[in-house]
C-alpha atoms as a PDB file:
ATOM      1  CA  MET A   1      66.302  35.688  -1.119  1.00  0.00           C
ATOM      2  CA  LYS A   2      65.034  32.383   0.247  1.00  0.00           C
ATOM      3  CA  PRO A   3      61.562  32.480   1.850  1.00  0.00           C
ATOM      4  CA  THR A   4      62.930  31.249   5.185  1.00  0.00           C
ATOM      5  CA  ARG A   5      65.583  33.955   5.204  1.00  0.00           C
ATOM      6  CA  HIS A   6      63.005  36.630   4.340  1.00  0.00           C
ATOM      7  CA  LEU A   7      60.814  35.370   7.232  1.00  0.00           C
ATOM      8  CA  LEU A   8      63.777  35.632   9.607  1.00  0.00           C
ATOM      9  CA  LEU A   9      64.549  39.193   8.609  1.00  0.00           C
ATOM     10  CA  CYS A  10      60.911  40.278   8.915  1.00  0.00           C
ATOM     11  CA  ALA A  11      60.506  38.631  12.315  1.00  0.00           C
ATOM     12  CA  LEU A  12      63.676  40.192  13.702  1.00  0.00           C
ATOM     13  CA  TRP A  13      62.815  43.620  12.266  1.00  0.00           C
ATOM     14  CA  LEU A  14      59.452  43.535  14.032  1.00  0.00           C
ATOM     15  CA  ILE A  15      61.006  43.003  17.458  1.00  0.00           C
ATOM     16  CA  ALA A  16      64.090  45.183  17.052  1.00  0.00           C
ATOM     17  CA  PRO A  17      64.351  47.911  19.693  1.00  0.00           C
ATOM     18  CA  LEU A  18      62.720  51.136  18.528  1.00  0.00           C
ATOM     19  CA  CYS A  19      65.145  53.266  20.510  1.00  0.00           C
ATOM     20  CA  PRO A  20      68.220  51.642  22.099  1.00  0.00           C
ATOM     21  CA  ALA A  21      68.477  54.516  24.619  1.00  0.00           C
ATOM     22  CA  GLN A  22      65.318  53.180  26.313  1.00  0.00           C
ATOM     23  CA  ALA A  23      64.759  49.743  27.782  1.00  0.00           C
ATOM     24  CA  GLN A  24      62.925  47.595  25.259  1.00  0.00           C
ATOM     25  CA  ASP A  25      61.121  44.359  25.932  1.00  0.00           C
ATOM     26  CA  ILE A  26      61.598  41.480  23.482  1.00  0.00           C
ATOM     27  CA  PRO A  27      58.642  39.143  22.911  1.00  0.00           C
ATOM     28  CA  HIS A  28      59.298  35.397  23.071  1.00  0.00           C
ATOM     29  CA  ASN A  29      56.324  33.872  21.293  1.00  0.00           C
ATOM     30  CA  ILE A  30      58.322  32.809  18.239  1.00  0.00           C
ATOM     31  CA  HIS A  31      58.816  29.753  16.060  1.00  0.00           C
ATOM     32  CA  GLU A  32      61.825  27.494  16.327  1.00  0.00           C
ATOM     33  CA  LEU A  33      64.946  29.381  15.216  1.00  0.00           C
ATOM     34  CA  LYS A  34      65.696  26.676  12.658  1.00  0.00           C
ATOM     35  CA  ALA A  35      62.384  27.326  10.964  1.00  0.00           C
ATOM     36  CA  LEU A  36      63.339  31.014  10.677  1.00  0.00           C
ATOM     37  CA  GLY A  37      66.287  30.211   8.476  1.00  0.00           C
ATOM     38  CA  CYS A  38      69.463  30.750  10.533  1.00  0.00           C
ATOM     39  CA  GLU A  39      72.032  28.110   9.672  1.00  0.00           C
ATOM     40  CA  LEU A  40      74.079  26.667  12.542  1.00  0.00           C
ATOM     41  CA  VAL A  41      77.609  25.369  11.921  1.00  0.00           C
ATOM     42  CA  ASP A  42      76.834  22.261  13.974  1.00  0.00           C
ATOM     43  CA  SER A  43      73.079  21.717  14.279  1.00  0.00           C
ATOM     44  CA  SER A  44      73.629  18.615  16.408  1.00  0.00           C
ATOM     45  CA  LEU A  45      74.750  20.891  19.258  1.00  0.00           C
ATOM     46  CA  MET A  46      71.281  22.401  19.335  1.00  0.00           C
ATOM     47  CA  LEU A  47      69.723  19.104  20.374  1.00  0.00           C
ATOM     48  CA  LYS A  48      72.216  18.763  23.213  1.00  0.00           C
ATOM     49  CA  VAL A  49      71.657  22.308  24.418  1.00  0.00           C
ATOM     50  CA  LYS A  50      67.846  22.066  24.182  1.00  0.00           C
ATOM     51  CA  ARG A  51      67.904  19.062  26.496  1.00  0.00           C
ATOM     52  CA  LEU A  52      70.008  20.984  29.041  1.00  0.00           C
ATOM     53  CA  CYS A  53      67.608  23.937  28.870  1.00  0.00           C
ATOM     54  CA  ARG A  54      64.699  21.816  30.130  1.00  0.00           C
ATOM     55  CA  PHE A  55      66.245  21.452  33.542  1.00  0.00           C
ATOM     56  CA  SER A  56      68.028  24.808  33.909  1.00  0.00           C
ATOM     57  CA  LYS A  57      67.579  26.887  37.065  1.00  0.00           C
ATOM     58  CA  ASN A  58      67.437  29.913  34.758  1.00  0.00           C
ATOM     59  CA  ARG A  59      64.234  28.830  32.994  1.00  0.00           C
ATOM     60  CA  GLY A  60      61.548  31.493  32.984  1.00  0.00           C
ATOM     61  CA  LYS A  61      63.816  34.232  34.365  1.00  0.00           C
ATOM     62  CA  SER A  62      63.684  37.909  33.457  1.00  0.00           C
ATOM     63  CA  VAL A  63      66.964  39.059  31.916  1.00  0.00           C
ATOM     64  CA  ALA A  64      68.393  42.577  31.456  1.00  0.00           C
ATOM     65  CA  VAL A  65      71.189  43.131  28.942  1.00  0.00           C
ATOM     66  CA  PHE A  66      73.565  46.137  29.181  1.00  0.00           C
ATOM     67  CA  GLY A  67      76.296  47.073  26.714  1.00  0.00           C
ATOM     68  CA  GLY A  68      77.161  48.727  23.415  1.00  0.00           C
ATOM     69  CA  SER A  69      75.923  48.113  19.886  1.00  0.00           C
ATOM     70  CA  LEU A  70      76.984  44.485  19.856  1.00  0.00           C
ATOM     71  CA  SER A  71      74.533  43.841  22.727  1.00  0.00           C
ATOM     72  CA  VAL A  72      71.608  45.630  21.110  1.00  0.00           C
ATOM     73  CA  ASN A  73      71.855  45.773  17.315  1.00  0.00           C
ATOM     74  CA  LYS A  74      68.816  44.339  15.577  1.00  0.00           C
ATOM     75  CA  GLU A  75      70.894  41.351  14.479  1.00  0.00           C
ATOM     76  CA  SER A  76      71.482  40.427  18.131  1.00  0.00           C
ATOM     77  CA  GLN A  77      67.840  39.392  18.380  1.00  0.00           C
ATOM     78  CA  ALA A  78      68.780  36.160  16.582  1.00  0.00           C
ATOM     79  CA  ALA A  79      70.653  35.172  19.760  1.00  0.00           C
ATOM     80  CA  LYS A  80      68.077  36.474  22.194  1.00  0.00           C
ATOM     81  CA  LEU A  81      65.265  34.670  20.376  1.00  0.00           C
ATOM     82  CA  MET A  82      67.047  31.450  21.275  1.00  0.00           C
ATOM     83  CA  TRP A  83      67.200  32.438  25.000  1.00  0.00           C
ATOM     84  CA  SER A  84      63.503  33.216  24.918  1.00  0.00           C
ATOM     85  CA  GLU A  85      62.413  30.140  22.995  1.00  0.00           C
ATOM     86  CA  TYR A  86      64.436  27.474  24.802  1.00  0.00           C
ATOM     87  CA  LEU A  87      64.770  28.969  28.291  1.00  0.00           C
ATOM     88  CA  ASP A  88      61.494  30.892  28.304  1.00  0.00           C
ATOM     89  CA  MET A  89      63.376  34.029  29.259  1.00  0.00           C
ATOM     90  CA  HIS A  90      61.882  37.537  29.098  1.00  0.00           C
ATOM     91  CA  VAL A  91      64.701  39.733  27.757  1.00  0.00           C
ATOM     92  CA  THR A  92      64.963  43.464  28.163  1.00  0.00           C
ATOM     93  CA  ASP A  93      67.612  45.514  26.348  1.00  0.00           C
ATOM     94  CA  TYR A  94      69.187  48.536  27.995  1.00  0.00           C
ATOM     95  CA  GLY A  95      72.143  48.732  25.596  1.00  0.00           C
ATOM     96  CA  HIS A  96      73.121  51.601  23.326  1.00  0.00           C
ATOM     97  CA  GLY A  97      75.526  51.868  20.410  1.00  0.00           C
ATOM     98  CA  GLY A  98      78.890  53.376  21.264  1.00  0.00           C
ATOM     99  CA  TYR A  99      78.742  52.657  24.988  1.00  0.00           C
ATOM    100  CA  GLY A 100      81.533  51.102  27.040  1.00  0.00           C
ATOM    101  CA  PHE A 101      82.441  50.769  30.705  1.00  0.00           C
ATOM    102  CA  SER A 102      84.672  53.856  30.864  1.00  0.00           C
ATOM    103  CA  SER A 103      82.819  56.998  32.000  1.00  0.00           C
ATOM    104  CA  LEU A 104      84.677  59.091  29.364  1.00  0.00           C
ATOM    105  CA  GLN A 105      82.131  58.144  26.677  1.00  0.00           C
ATOM    106  CA  GLY A 106      78.545  57.019  26.488  1.00  0.00           C
ATOM    107  CA  SER A 107      78.771  54.633  29.415  1.00  0.00           C
ATOM    108  CA  VAL A 108      77.108  51.433  30.616  1.00  0.00           C
ATOM    109  CA  LEU A 109      77.198  53.166  33.999  1.00  0.00           C
ATOM    110  CA  ASP A 110      74.268  55.264  32.807  1.00  0.00           C
ATOM    111  CA  GLN A 111      72.369  52.139  31.807  1.00  0.00           C
ATOM    112  CA  VAL A 112      72.705  50.400  35.170  1.00  0.00           C
ATOM    113  CA  ASN A 113      71.778  53.605  36.979  1.00  0.00           C
ATOM    114  CA  ARG A 114      68.274  53.308  35.512  1.00  0.00           C
ATOM    115  CA  ALA A 115      67.982  49.520  35.739  1.00  0.00           C
ATOM    116  CA  ARG A 116      64.817  47.940  37.060  1.00  0.00           C
ATOM    117  CA  GLN A 117      64.681  44.720  39.065  1.00  0.00           C
ATOM    118  CA  HIS A 118      65.369  41.579  37.021  1.00  0.00           C
ATOM    119  CA  ASP A 119      66.381  38.030  37.898  1.00  0.00           C
ATOM    120  CA  ILE A 120      69.506  38.085  35.764  1.00  0.00           C
ATOM    121  CA  TYR A 121      71.747  40.978  34.696  1.00  0.00           C
ATOM    122  CA  ILE A 122      74.125  40.518  31.747  1.00  0.00           C
ATOM    123  CA  LEU A 123      76.951  42.995  31.366  1.00  0.00           C
ATOM    124  CA  TRP A 124      77.949  42.451  27.741  1.00  0.00           C
ATOM    125  CA  ALA A 125      81.372  43.997  27.191  1.00  0.00           C
ATOM    126  CA  SER A 126      81.785  46.020  24.008  1.00  0.00           C
ATOM    127  CA  THR A 127      84.745  47.071  21.844  1.00  0.00           C
ATOM    128  CA  ASN A 128      84.322  50.747  22.613  1.00  0.00           C
ATOM    129  CA  ASP A 129      86.703  51.073  25.573  1.00  0.00           C
ATOM    130  CA  TYR A 130      89.418  49.593  23.331  1.00  0.00           C
ATOM    131  CA  THR A 131      88.660  51.410  20.109  1.00  0.00           C
ATOM    132  CA  ASN A 132      88.282  54.730  21.957  1.00  0.00           C
ATOM    133  CA  ASN A 133      91.661  54.169  23.635  1.00  0.00           C
ATOM    134  CA  ARG A 134      90.304  54.225  27.208  1.00  0.00           C
ATOM    135  CA  GLU A 135      92.719  52.987  29.849  1.00  0.00           C
ATOM    136  CA  PRO A 136      92.020  49.353  30.722  1.00  0.00           C
ATOM    137  CA  GLY A 137      92.937  49.956  34.398  1.00  0.00           C
ATOM    138  CA  THR A 138      93.344  47.176  36.975  1.00  0.00           C
ATOM    139  CA  PRO A 139      90.809  44.750  38.473  1.00  0.00           C
ATOM    140  CA  GLN A 140      91.014  46.684  41.762  1.00  0.00           C
ATOM    141  CA  ASP A 141      89.813  49.985  40.207  1.00  0.00           C
ATOM    142  CA  TYR A 142      86.722  51.309  42.035  1.00  0.00           C
ATOM    143  CA  THR A 143      86.707  48.587  44.734  1.00  0.00           C
ATOM    144  CA  GLU A 144      87.132  48.489  48.444  1.00  0.00           C
ATOM    145  CA  ALA A 145      90.878  48.293  47.811  1.00  0.00           C
ATOM    146  CA  ASP A 146      90.969  51.958  46.634  1.00  0.00           C
ATOM    147  CA  GLY A 147      88.060  53.176  48.722  1.00  0.00           C
ATOM    148  CA  TYR A 148      85.784  53.218  45.659  1.00  0.00           C
ATOM    149  CA  ASP A 149      87.849  55.952  44.068  1.00  0.00           C
ATOM    150  CA  GLN A 150      85.531  57.643  41.542  1.00  0.00           C
ATOM    151  CA  SER A 151      88.494  58.887  39.534  1.00  0.00           C
ATOM    152  CA  LYS A 152      88.959  55.236  38.460  1.00  0.00           C
ATOM    153  CA  LEU A 153      85.572  55.196  36.715  1.00  0.00           C
ATOM    154  CA  VAL A 154      87.393  56.374  33.575  1.00  0.00           C
ATOM    155  CA  THR A 155      88.951  52.933  33.138  1.00  0.00           C
ATOM    156  CA  GLN A 156      87.311  49.801  31.735  1.00  0.00           C
ATOM    157  CA  CYS A 157      87.836  47.927  34.999  1.00  0.00           C
ATOM    158  CA  GLY A 158      86.615  50.768  37.180  1.00  0.00           C
ATOM    159  CA  GLY A 159      83.421  51.086  35.157  1.00  0.00           C
ATOM    160  CA  LEU A 160      82.763  47.367  35.178  1.00  0.00           C
ATOM    161  CA  ASN A 161      83.274  47.162  38.952  1.00  0.00           C
ATOM    162  CA  TYR A 162      80.848  50.069  39.365  1.00  0.00           C
ATOM    163  CA  CYS A 163      78.209  48.296  37.254  1.00  0.00           C
ATOM    164  CA  ILE A 164      78.425  45.097  39.305  1.00  0.00           C
ATOM    165  CA  ARG A 165      78.222  47.000  42.586  1.00  0.00           C
ATOM    166  CA  LYS A 166      75.285  49.101  41.399  1.00  0.00           C
ATOM    167  CA  LEU A 167      73.273  46.107  40.164  1.00  0.00           C
ATOM    168  CA  ARG A 168      73.761  44.350  43.470  1.00  0.00           C
ATOM    169  CA  GLU A 169      72.154  47.387  45.093  1.00  0.00           C
ATOM    170  CA  VAL A 170      69.234  47.288  42.631  1.00  0.00           C
ATOM    171  CA  ASN A 171      68.542  43.604  43.335  1.00  0.00           C
ATOM    172  CA  PRO A 172      70.771  41.806  45.829  1.00  0.00           C
ATOM    173  CA  GLU A 173      69.153  38.486  44.903  1.00  0.00           C
ATOM    174  CA  ALA A 174      69.867  38.732  41.185  1.00  0.00           C
ATOM    175  CA  THR A 175      72.439  36.737  39.259  1.00  0.00           C
ATOM    176  CA  ILE A 176      75.038  38.801  37.387  1.00  0.00           C
ATOM    177  CA  TYR A 177      76.941  37.488  34.366  1.00  0.00           C
ATOM    178  CA  VAL A 178      79.772  39.236  32.457  1.00  0.00           C
ATOM    179  CA  PHE A 179      79.758  38.397  28.758  1.00  0.00           C
ATOM    180  CA  GLY A 180      83.259  39.132  27.501  1.00  0.00           C
ATOM    181  CA  SER A 181      83.831  41.134  24.336  1.00  0.00           C
ATOM    182  CA  LEU A 182      83.511  39.529  20.905  1.00  0.00           C
ATOM    183  CA  PRO A 183      86.541  39.581  18.588  1.00  0.00           C
ATOM    184  CA  PHE A 184      86.734  41.980  15.660  1.00  0.00           C
ATOM    185  CA  TRP A 185      88.818  41.870  12.492  1.00  0.00           C
ATOM    186  CA  TRP A 186      90.383  45.264  11.702  1.00  0.00           C
ATOM    187  CA  ASN A 187      93.828  43.830  12.445  1.00  0.00           C
ATOM    188  CA  THR A 188      95.273  40.970  14.462  1.00  0.00           C
ATOM    189  CA  GLY A 189      95.010  43.080  17.663  1.00  0.00           C
ATOM    190  CA  GLY A 190      91.251  42.612  17.538  1.00  0.00           C
ATOM    191  CA  TYR A 191      91.285  38.836  17.801  1.00  0.00           C
ATOM    192  CA  ASP A 192      94.767  37.454  18.571  1.00  0.00           C
ATOM    193  CA  PRO A 193      95.753  37.685  22.249  1.00  0.00           C
ATOM    194  CA  ALA A 194      99.439  37.395  21.217  1.00  0.00           C
ATOM    195  CA  SER A 195      99.243  40.235  18.680  1.00  0.00           C
ATOM    196  CA  THR A 196     101.699  43.129  18.836  1.00  0.00           C
ATOM    197  CA  GLU A 197      99.129  45.418  17.175  1.00  0.00           C
ATOM    198  CA  THR A 198      97.661  47.619  19.910  1.00  0.00           C
ATOM    199  CA  ASN A 199      95.608  50.718  20.539  1.00  0.00           C
ATOM    200  CA  LYS A 200      97.093  53.972  21.911  1.00  0.00           C
ATOM    201  CA  THR A 201      97.276  52.548  25.448  1.00  0.00           C
ATOM    202  CA  GLY A 202      99.829  50.009  24.263  1.00  0.00           C
ATOM    203  CA  HIS A 203      97.588  46.965  24.715  1.00  0.00           C
ATOM    204  CA  ASN A 204      95.861  44.624  22.338  1.00  0.00           C
ATOM    205  CA  PHE A 205      92.189  43.767  22.639  1.00  0.00           C
ATOM    206  CA  GLY A 206      92.860  40.410  24.196  1.00  0.00           C
ATOM    207  CA  TYR A 207      94.413  42.182  27.184  1.00  0.00           C
ATOM    208  CA  TYR A 208      91.181  44.142  27.721  1.00  0.00           C
ATOM    209  CA  VAL A 209      89.206  40.924  27.596  1.00  0.00           C
ATOM    210  CA  SER A 210      91.537  39.241  30.090  1.00  0.00           C
ATOM    211  CA  LEU A 211      90.863  42.064  32.538  1.00  0.00           C
ATOM    212  CA  GLN A 212      87.117  41.670  32.073  1.00  0.00           C
ATOM    213  CA  ARG A 213      87.557  38.084  33.239  1.00  0.00           C
ATOM    214  CA  GLN A 214      89.714  39.132  36.163  1.00  0.00           C
ATOM    215  CA  VAL A 215      87.156  41.644  37.341  1.00  0.00           C
ATOM    216  CA  ALA A 216      84.401  39.052  37.161  1.00  0.00           C
ATOM    217  CA  GLU A 217      86.483  36.584  39.160  1.00  0.00           C
ATOM    218  CA  LEU A 218      87.356  39.205  41.748  1.00  0.00           C
ATOM    219  CA  GLN A 219      83.676  40.068  42.129  1.00  0.00           C
ATOM    220  CA  GLY A 220      82.601  36.452  42.303  1.00  0.00           C
ATOM    221  CA  VAL A 221      80.406  36.529  39.162  1.00  0.00           C
ATOM    222  CA  LYS A 222      80.392  34.115  36.240  1.00  0.00           C
ATOM    223  CA  PHE A 223      82.311  35.132  33.117  1.00  0.00           C
ATOM    224  CA  PHE A 224      81.321  33.946  29.622  1.00  0.00           C
ATOM    225  CA  ASP A 225      84.285  34.061  27.206  1.00  0.00           C
ATOM    226  CA  GLN A 226      83.066  35.184  23.787  1.00  0.00           C
ATOM    227  CA  PHE A 227      86.505  36.246  22.560  1.00  0.00           C
ATOM    228  CA  SER A 228      87.688  32.652  22.079  1.00  0.00           C
ATOM    229  CA  LEU A 229      84.570  30.936  20.775  1.00  0.00           C
ATOM    230  CA  PRO A 230      85.575  28.198  18.282  1.00  0.00           C
ATOM    231  CA  VAL A 231      82.909  29.349  15.844  1.00  0.00           C
ATOM    232  CA  LEU A 232      84.469  32.808  15.414  1.00  0.00           C
ATOM    233  CA  THR A 233      87.709  32.612  13.434  1.00  0.00           C
ATOM    234  CA  PRO A 234      89.453  34.477  10.593  1.00  0.00           C
ATOM    235  CA  GLU A 235      88.033  31.778   8.302  1.00  0.00           C
ATOM    236  CA  THR A 236      84.401  32.423   9.374  1.00  0.00           C
ATOM    237  CA  LYS A 237      84.463  36.234   9.717  1.00  0.00           C
ATOM    238  CA  ASP A 238      83.167  36.864   6.180  1.00  0.00           C
ATOM    239  CA  ARG A 239      80.169  34.595   6.874  1.00  0.00           C
ATOM    240  CA  PHE A 240      79.339  35.878  10.374  1.00  0.00           C
ATOM    241  CA  TYR A 241      80.323  39.573  10.310  1.00  0.00           C
ATOM    242  CA  LEU A 242      79.095  42.623   8.470  1.00  0.00           C
ATOM    243  CA  LYS A 243      81.374  44.398   6.028  1.00  0.00           C
ATOM    244  CA  ASP A 244      82.751  46.618   8.829  1.00  0.00           C
ATOM    245  CA  ASN A 245      84.429  43.541  10.378  1.00  0.00           C
ATOM    246  CA  LEU A 246      83.209  44.687  13.748  1.00  0.00           C
ATOM    247  CA  HIS A 247      79.485  43.876  14.048  1.00  0.00           C
ATOM    248  CA  MET A 248      77.947  40.462  13.471  1.00  0.00           C
ATOM    249  CA  ASN A 249      75.096  39.552  11.088  1.00  0.00           C
ATOM    250  CA  TYR A 250      72.106  37.370  11.921  1.00  0.00           C
ATOM    251  CA  ASP A 251      73.889  34.106  11.261  1.00  0.00           C
ATOM    252  CA  GLY A 252      76.795  35.207  13.427  1.00  0.00           C
ATOM    253  CA  TYR A 253      74.494  35.940  16.357  1.00  0.00           C
ATOM    254  CA  ALA A 254      72.601  32.678  15.863  1.00  0.00           C
ATOM    255  CA  ASN A 255      75.797  30.650  16.042  1.00  0.00           C
ATOM    256  CA  VAL A 256      77.160  32.650  19.008  1.00  0.00           C
ATOM    257  CA  GLY A 257      73.697  32.474  20.545  1.00  0.00           C
ATOM    258  CA  LEU A 258      73.935  28.687  20.768  1.00  0.00           C
ATOM    259  CA  TYR A 259      77.004  29.046  22.992  1.00  0.00           C
ATOM    260  CA  GLN A 260      75.316  31.786  24.990  1.00  0.00           C
ATOM    261  CA  LEU A 261      72.283  29.566  25.442  1.00  0.00           C
ATOM    262  CA  HIS A 262      74.432  26.718  26.745  1.00  0.00           C
ATOM    263  CA  PHE A 263      76.088  29.085  29.242  1.00  0.00           C
ATOM    264  CA  LEU A 264      72.778  30.527  30.388  1.00  0.00           C
ATOM    265  CA  ALA A 265      71.407  27.006  30.860  1.00  0.00           C
ATOM    266  CA  THR A 266      74.409  25.581  32.739  1.00  0.00           C
ATOM    267  CA  GLU A 267      76.674  28.513  33.777  1.00  0.00           C
ATOM    268  CA  LYS A 268      79.477  26.615  32.016  1.00  0.00           C
ATOM    269  CA  ALA A 269      81.232  27.007  28.691  1.00  0.00           C
ATOM    270  CA  MET A 270      80.319  24.476  26.015  1.00  0.00           C
ATOM    271  CA  LYS A 271      83.136  21.975  25.538  1.00  0.00           C
ATOM    272  CA  PRO A 272      84.272  21.324  21.956  1.00  0.00           C
END
């Protein structure tokens, strides 16, 4: 193992959440990510993004992250270290493995119910609603349109709408972002929006992600598309994903983190 890679693993292990069920603060007094050994596909993009970070309205903000394992695994710290280093953000994890937006499982609803006040709330969509065959629902689930029907909290859309509404109650002045689900590679249904491979609801994963975007648009919050990032492809999955083809490794999060950093700095997707 290269010394720089060993240093990265040690640094990330030291700040990994001790118990994902509890909110964990992530320190941001770290070295440059490049010095820690993560290899970016296009390192020239880092220079561009770093310049944008200097003038971002989100510099120095406190950030809360809610979601499933992909939002909180120790490897995800490779991305959050970039937020902390270049935007001086103070990041707090509320996420927990296995959680989704549907109330029929461990749910992000429980996480937002115990949220403290932060400047920015990130609702990081997981794969769990899809892999657990929860109904995707419609963007109008648990909204004024249905009288905030609590029976709709069992759907992905109903749970996501609940989370946005609840966080607005916790801090009406906060900014809320929805980070769409990342692709996975069990079959084409996990990454190809045109795939005919579906879960038991009859939908592929791309359909679930499209509804995440529609809910965000309906609620007037910014949506960050992680499903279609150019850095995550069938050709790069072996480099950026663990052997389960579902969770990313450190390098995967570092490369995705660069796109997240650009979004957090500008509220816009990075153009190719």
